[in-house]
């Protein structure tokens, strides 16, 4: 059984590939051809163990992601199996997979939910996920600038991110955060905040908001005003999202009726249209699901197999 490192994934899989495989995976899930396992968390002595997984016969793979959380730091591993004969195919470090698939799913959601004239991104958080989102969104959409809101970001972060994204990145202070939201066509929250980052009143009519920073029921990045103003809140999978997402779990009574929650699979299959008018605010709330990890692991394994065969042929 092969072990696949983060470096190998980054070398053989491009963000565009990840976006395509995420779209295909959610289509399979929405059509009933794939299934997911909800995340299970177990904790003792300050150590948290989490597991989640999926079976995707159309892609020929099944698998599980297992990871520890210690003092806020994650260590990921994925085990991948064949759905044809059940044999184990590979193990993965999975840090790169987690980084890539989360941003790719936001791109898939943005392509369906953001206005086509979106030009300004307000980004809350310049960590691993925040920077991955900036790079993938700026490559996939016609963005013209990024307003970066992260008081902990290094002084040179805006410059480095601007160079990698190819558009201006302007670092704004905490006191300017709501002003940035008022200007933004797309807002991404990729923070570790336990309380709302800004008032929902500041969200620009027509904006697309992707809240991806929290998957814990006691933390949230968006307030009830944001949820109330949204025409819809799109989630990856209702059973997991309504249990894990603090933005949803902690919402006030009547703020988020069931009719307002829509699954991403229904969006990509065209069964739901969350945006019905130019001024509609649409929220995408991500917690990360096993379908994403297993689909990308399967793609990475296939790419590496193909590369090995090409190398063997060339060597021969």
Protein backbone atom coordinates (compact mmCIF):
# COMPACT_ATOMS: atom_id res chain seq x y z
CA UNK A 1 0.00 0.00 0.00
CA UNK A 2 1.42 3.35 -1.06
CA UNK A 3 1.84 6.30 1.30
CA UNK A 4 1.18 9.67 -0.36
CA UNK A 5 2.66 12.83 1.16
CA UNK A 6 1.36 16.38 1.00
CA UNK A 7 4.20 17.26 -1.37
CA UNK A 8 3.15 14.49 -3.76
CA UNK A 9 -0.45 15.76 -3.78
CA UNK A 10 0.64 19.34 -4.48
CA UNK A 11 2.94 18.13 -7.27
CA UNK A 12 0.34 16.06 -9.14
CA UNK A 13 -2.99 17.83 -8.52
CA UNK A 14 -3.88 21.36 -9.59
CA UNK A 15 -6.65 23.44 -7.96
CA UNK A 16 -8.68 23.23 -11.17
CA UNK A 17 -8.59 19.43 -10.92
CA UNK A 18 -9.79 19.63 -7.33
CA UNK A 19 -12.69 21.92 -8.25
CA UNK A 20 -13.78 19.51 -10.98
CA UNK A 21 -13.63 16.44 -8.73
CA UNK A 22 -15.55 18.25 -5.96
CA UNK A 23 -18.29 19.12 -8.44
CA UNK A 24 -18.45 15.53 -9.65
CA UNK A 25 -18.52 14.16 -6.09
CA UNK A 26 -21.43 16.38 -5.01
CA UNK A 27 -23.32 15.49 -8.17
CA UNK A 28 -22.83 11.79 -7.37
CA UNK A 29 -23.97 12.35 -3.80
CA UNK A 30 -27.03 14.29 -4.90
CA UNK A 31 -27.98 11.53 -7.33
CA UNK A 32 -27.70 8.89 -4.61
CA UNK A 33 -24.60 7.26 -6.11
CA UNK A 34 -22.34 8.14 -3.18
CA UNK A 35 -22.71 8.15 0.60
CA UNK A 36 -21.05 9.88 3.54
CA UNK A 37 -20.29 9.18 7.18
CA UNK A 38 -20.76 12.02 9.65
CA UNK A 39 -17.79 13.19 11.66
CA UNK A 40 -17.36 11.46 15.01
CA UNK A 41 -15.28 13.17 17.69
CA UNK A 42 -13.78 11.47 20.75
CA UNK A 43 -11.82 13.40 23.39
CA UNK A 44 -9.76 12.64 26.49
CA UNK A 45 -6.91 14.38 28.24
CA UNK A 46 -6.99 17.33 25.89
CA UNK A 47 -6.59 15.13 22.82
CA UNK A 48 -9.41 14.98 20.27
CA UNK A 49 -9.72 12.20 17.69
CA UNK A 50 -12.05 12.81 14.73
CA UNK A 51 -13.13 10.48 11.92
CA UNK A 52 -15.29 10.96 8.82
CA UNK A 53 -15.55 9.16 5.49
CA UNK A 54 -17.35 8.38 2.26
CA UNK A 55 -18.07 5.72 -0.35
CA UNK A 56 -17.95 6.92 -3.98
CA UNK A 57 -18.40 3.93 -6.33
CA UNK A 58 -18.47 6.12 -9.46
CA UNK A 59 -14.91 7.17 -8.66
CA UNK A 60 -13.95 3.66 -7.54
CA UNK A 61 -12.98 4.62 -4.00
CA UNK A 62 -14.08 4.53 -0.38
CA UNK A 63 -12.18 5.84 2.57
CA UNK A 64 -11.92 7.54 5.92
CA UNK A 65 -10.14 10.58 7.21
CA UNK A 66 -8.78 10.36 10.75
CA UNK A 67 -7.11 13.21 12.57
CA UNK A 68 -6.05 14.48 15.98
CA UNK A 69 -6.50 17.95 17.41
CA UNK A 70 -4.10 18.96 20.18
CA UNK A 71 -3.96 22.58 21.38
CA UNK A 72 -5.68 23.68 18.19
CA UNK A 73 -3.22 21.91 15.89
CA UNK A 74 -4.42 19.26 13.43
CA UNK A 75 -2.67 16.13 12.14
CA UNK A 76 -4.53 14.43 9.28
CA UNK A 77 -4.41 10.94 7.74
CA UNK A 78 -6.65 9.44 5.06
CA UNK A 79 -7.00 5.73 4.29
CA UNK A 80 -8.24 4.93 0.79
CA UNK A 81 -9.81 1.67 -0.42
CA UNK A 82 -10.98 0.30 -3.77
CA UNK A 83 -14.74 -0.14 -4.17
CA UNK A 84 -14.09 -2.84 -6.77
CA UNK A 85 -12.34 -5.40 -4.58
CA UNK A 86 -12.08 -3.68 -1.18
CA UNK A 87 -8.28 -3.64 -1.09
CA UNK A 88 -6.45 -0.75 0.60
CA UNK A 89 -4.94 1.53 -2.01
CA UNK A 90 -3.05 4.22 -0.14
CA UNK A 91 -2.59 6.28 2.99
CA UNK A 92 -2.22 10.05 2.90
CA UNK A 93 -0.75 12.75 5.12
CA UNK A 94 -3.84 14.78 4.04
CA UNK A 95 -2.87 18.28 5.08
CA UNK A 96 -2.70 19.30 1.42
CA UNK A 97 -5.98 17.51 0.68
CA UNK A 98 -7.75 19.39 3.47
CA UNK A 99 -6.36 22.72 2.28
CA UNK A 100 -7.18 22.13 -1.37
CA UNK A 101 -10.64 20.60 -1.08
CA UNK A 102 -12.02 23.26 1.27
CA UNK A 103 -11.12 26.14 -1.03
CA UNK A 104 -12.21 24.17 -4.11
CA UNK A 105 -15.67 23.61 -2.66
CA UNK A 106 -15.98 27.32 -1.97
CA UNK A 107 -15.08 27.97 -5.62
CA UNK A 108 -17.77 25.50 -6.72
CA UNK A 109 -20.29 27.26 -4.48
CA UNK A 110 -19.18 30.72 -5.66
CA UNK A 111 -19.57 29.79 -9.31
CA UNK A 112 -23.19 28.87 -8.63
CA UNK A 113 -24.06 31.47 -6.00
CA UNK A 114 -21.97 34.63 -6.44
CA UNK A 115 -22.97 37.34 -8.87
CA UNK A 116 -21.02 37.18 -12.14
CA UNK A 117 -19.96 40.81 -11.68
CA UNK A 118 -18.29 40.11 -8.30
CA UNK A 119 -14.96 41.93 -8.23
CA UNK A 120 -14.01 42.55 -4.57
CA UNK A 121 -13.24 39.87 -1.99
CA UNK A 122 -13.12 40.62 1.74
CA UNK A 123 -11.05 37.89 3.37
CA UNK A 124 -11.11 37.33 7.12
CA UNK A 125 -8.12 35.21 8.05
CA UNK A 126 -4.77 34.81 6.31
CA UNK A 127 -3.87 31.37 7.61
CA UNK A 128 -3.63 28.16 5.59
CA UNK A 129 -7.29 28.19 4.56
CA UNK A 130 -7.55 31.93 4.03
CA UNK A 131 -4.60 32.09 1.67
CA UNK A 132 -5.76 28.96 -0.19
CA UNK A 133 -9.16 30.59 -0.71
CA UNK A 134 -7.58 33.80 -1.97
CA UNK A 135 -5.49 31.92 -4.52
CA UNK A 136 -8.23 29.64 -5.82
CA UNK A 137 -10.95 32.31 -5.93
CA UNK A 138 -8.73 34.87 -7.66
CA UNK A 139 -7.76 32.29 -10.29
CA UNK A 140 -11.32 31.07 -10.86
CA UNK A 141 -13.26 34.36 -10.75
CA UNK A 142 -12.68 37.82 -12.30
CA UNK A 143 -11.72 39.39 -8.97
CA UNK A 144 -9.92 42.73 -9.08
CA UNK A 145 -8.88 43.20 -5.45
CA UNK A 146 -8.80 41.54 -2.04
CA UNK A 147 -9.39 43.35 1.26
CA UNK A 148 -7.51 41.36 3.90
CA UNK A 149 -8.77 41.48 7.48
CA UNK A 150 -6.41 39.67 9.85
CA UNK A 151 -4.81 41.47 12.81
CA UNK A 152 -2.38 38.57 13.27
CA UNK A 153 -1.11 38.47 9.69
CA UNK A 154 2.58 39.30 9.14
CA UNK A 155 3.28 42.79 7.84
CA UNK A 156 4.31 41.45 4.45
CA UNK A 157 1.33 39.11 3.99
CA UNK A 158 -0.63 41.46 1.73
CA UNK A 159 2.33 41.84 -0.59
CA UNK A 160 3.06 38.13 -0.76
CA UNK A 161 -0.60 37.28 -1.34
CA UNK A 162 -0.89 39.95 -4.02
CA UNK A 163 2.06 38.43 -5.85
CA UNK A 164 0.62 34.91 -5.76
CA UNK A 165 -2.93 36.01 -6.66
CA UNK A 166 -1.97 38.51 -9.32
CA UNK A 167 -4.30 41.25 -8.02
CA UNK A 168 -3.97 43.99 -5.37
CA UNK A 169 -4.35 42.83 -1.76
CA UNK A 170 -5.02 45.61 0.73
CA UNK A 171 -4.59 44.88 4.43
CA UNK A 172 -7.22 46.62 6.54
CA UNK A 173 -7.32 47.10 10.29
CA UNK A 174 -9.86 45.61 12.67
CA UNK A 175 -11.62 48.97 12.87
CA UNK A 176 -12.00 48.96 9.08
CA UNK A 177 -13.39 45.43 8.89
CA UNK A 178 -17.05 46.38 8.54
CA UNK A 179 -16.19 48.98 5.91
CA UNK A 180 -14.46 46.21 3.95
CA UNK A 181 -17.56 44.03 4.19
CA UNK A 182 -19.72 46.88 2.89
CA UNK A 183 -17.52 47.06 -0.22
CA UNK A 184 -17.20 43.32 -0.82
CA UNK A 185 -19.08 41.29 -3.41
CA UNK A 186 -17.67 38.11 -1.86
CA UNK A 187 -16.83 37.65 1.82
CA UNK A 188 -14.81 34.67 3.07
CA UNK A 189 -14.44 34.05 6.80
CA UNK A 190 -11.56 31.68 7.46
CA UNK A 191 -10.85 32.51 11.08
CA UNK A 192 -10.80 30.80 14.43
CA UNK A 193 -13.13 33.36 15.94
CA UNK A 194 -15.67 32.04 18.43
CA UNK A 195 -17.97 35.05 18.01
CA UNK A 196 -19.30 36.91 14.93
CA UNK A 197 -16.63 38.85 13.06
CA UNK A 198 -18.85 41.73 11.92
CA UNK A 199 -22.44 42.92 11.95
CA UNK A 200 -24.63 41.29 9.34
CA UNK A 201 -25.98 44.76 8.57
CA UNK A 202 -22.68 45.52 6.84
CA UNK A 203 -23.11 42.83 4.16
CA UNK A 204 -23.60 44.37 0.75
CA UNK A 205 -26.87 43.53 -1.06
CA UNK A 206 -26.15 40.79 -3.58
CA UNK A 207 -23.06 39.52 -1.77
CA UNK A 208 -21.95 35.91 -1.52
CA UNK A 209 -20.61 34.95 1.92
CA UNK A 210 -18.57 31.79 2.54
CA UNK A 211 -18.13 30.98 6.24
CA UNK A 212 -15.58 28.17 6.43
CA UNK A 213 -13.62 28.78 9.62
CA UNK A 214 -15.61 26.82 12.18
CA UNK A 215 -17.03 23.30 12.42
CA UNK A 216 -17.82 23.42 16.14
CA UNK A 217 -21.32 23.95 17.55
CA UNK A 218 -20.18 26.53 20.12
CA UNK A 219 -18.32 28.85 17.73
CA UNK A 220 -19.59 31.08 14.94
CA UNK A 221 -18.32 33.71 12.50
CA UNK A 222 -21.67 35.15 11.37
CA UNK A 223 -24.40 36.74 13.47
CA UNK A 224 -28.17 36.32 13.36
CA UNK A 225 -28.56 39.49 11.30
CA UNK A 226 -26.45 37.96 8.52
CA UNK A 227 -28.51 34.76 8.61
CA UNK A 228 -31.77 36.72 8.64
CA UNK A 229 -30.77 38.83 5.65
CA UNK A 230 -29.69 35.83 3.59
CA UNK A 231 -32.12 34.45 1.04
CA UNK A 232 -30.59 31.01 1.66
CA UNK A 233 -27.85 29.24 3.60
CA UNK A 234 -26.21 26.53 1.52
CA UNK A 235 -24.51 23.67 3.36
CA UNK A 236 -22.59 20.58 2.29
CA UNK A 237 -24.83 18.10 4.07
CA UNK A 238 -27.68 18.96 6.42
CA UNK A 239 -27.25 16.08 8.94
CA UNK A 240 -23.65 17.10 9.66
CA UNK A 241 -23.95 20.85 9.20
CA UNK A 242 -26.94 21.28 11.49
CA UNK A 243 -25.08 19.36 14.20
CA UNK A 244 -21.65 20.99 13.86
CA UNK A 245 -21.99 24.52 12.50
CA UNK A 246 -22.25 26.98 15.37
CA UNK A 247 -23.58 29.61 12.97
CA UNK A 248 -26.61 27.32 12.52
CA UNK A 249 -26.77 25.67 15.94
CA UNK A 250 -26.61 28.98 17.82
CA UNK A 251 -29.02 30.87 15.56
CA UNK A 252 -31.94 32.50 17.34
CA UNK A 253 -35.42 31.11 17.11
CA UNK A 254 -37.00 31.75 13.74
CA UNK A 255 -33.79 33.15 12.25
CA UNK A 256 -33.02 30.12 10.10
CA UNK A 257 -36.13 28.12 9.14
CA UNK A 258 -35.64 24.72 7.55
CA UNK A 259 -36.80 26.07 4.19
CA UNK A 260 -33.79 28.39 4.12
CA UNK A 261 -31.24 25.56 4.38
CA UNK A 262 -30.20 24.10 1.03
CA UNK A 263 -27.66 21.37 0.30
CA UNK A 264 -24.83 22.04 -2.14
CA UNK A 265 -25.70 18.92 -4.14
CA UNK A 266 -29.13 20.35 -4.92
CA UNK A 267 -27.49 23.55 -6.13
CA UNK A 268 -24.98 21.89 -8.47
CA UNK A 269 -27.70 19.61 -9.87
CA UNK A 270 -29.96 22.59 -10.53
CA UNK A 271 -32.69 21.38 -8.19
CA UNK A 272 -32.41 24.54 -6.09
CA UNK A 273 -31.76 28.17 -7.03
CA UNK A 274 -30.82 30.09 -3.87
CA UNK A 275 -30.14 33.33 -5.76
CA UNK A 276 -33.31 34.63 -7.36
CA UNK A 277 -32.51 38.32 -7.52
CA UNK A 278 -29.44 40.52 -7.90
CA UNK A 279 -29.74 41.84 -4.33
CA UNK A 280 -30.12 38.44 -2.68
CA UNK A 281 -27.45 37.67 -0.08
CA UNK A 282 -26.45 34.00 -0.22
CA UNK A 283 -24.41 32.29 2.50
CA UNK A 284 -22.37 29.12 2.05
CA UNK A 285 -21.59 27.52 5.41
CA UNK A 286 -18.91 24.84 5.19
CA UNK A 287 -17.85 22.41 7.91
CA UNK A 288 -15.91 19.96 5.72
CA UNK A 289 -17.35 16.52 4.91
CA UNK A 290 -15.82 13.13 4.17
CA UNK A 291 -17.05 13.15 0.59
CA UNK A 292 -14.56 15.91 -0.21
CA UNK A 293 -11.56 14.19 1.36
CA UNK A 294 -12.19 10.80 -0.21
CA UNK A 295 -12.95 12.21 -3.67
CA UNK A 296 -9.72 14.19 -3.74
CA UNK A 297 -7.69 11.31 -2.29
CA UNK A 298 -9.02 9.12 -5.08
CA UNK A 299 -8.02 11.68 -7.70
CA UNK A 300 -4.53 12.06 -6.23
CA UNK A 301 -4.03 8.28 -6.13
CA UNK A 302 -5.09 7.92 -9.77
CA UNK A 303 -2.77 10.72 -10.84
CA UNK A 304 0.17 9.14 -9.04
CA UNK A 305 -0.61 5.73 -10.55
CA UNK A 306 -0.68 7.27 -14.02
CA UNK A 307 2.58 9.11 -13.37
CA UNK A 308 4.25 5.90 -12.18
CA UNK A 309 3.11 4.02 -15.28
CA UNK A 310 4.33 6.78 -17.56
CA UNK A 311 7.66 6.78 -15.77
CA UNK A 312 7.94 3.01 -16.06
CA UNK A 313 7.14 3.18 -19.79
CA UNK A 314 9.65 5.96 -20.31
CA UNK A 315 12.32 4.09 -18.36
CA UNK A 316 11.68 0.97 -20.41
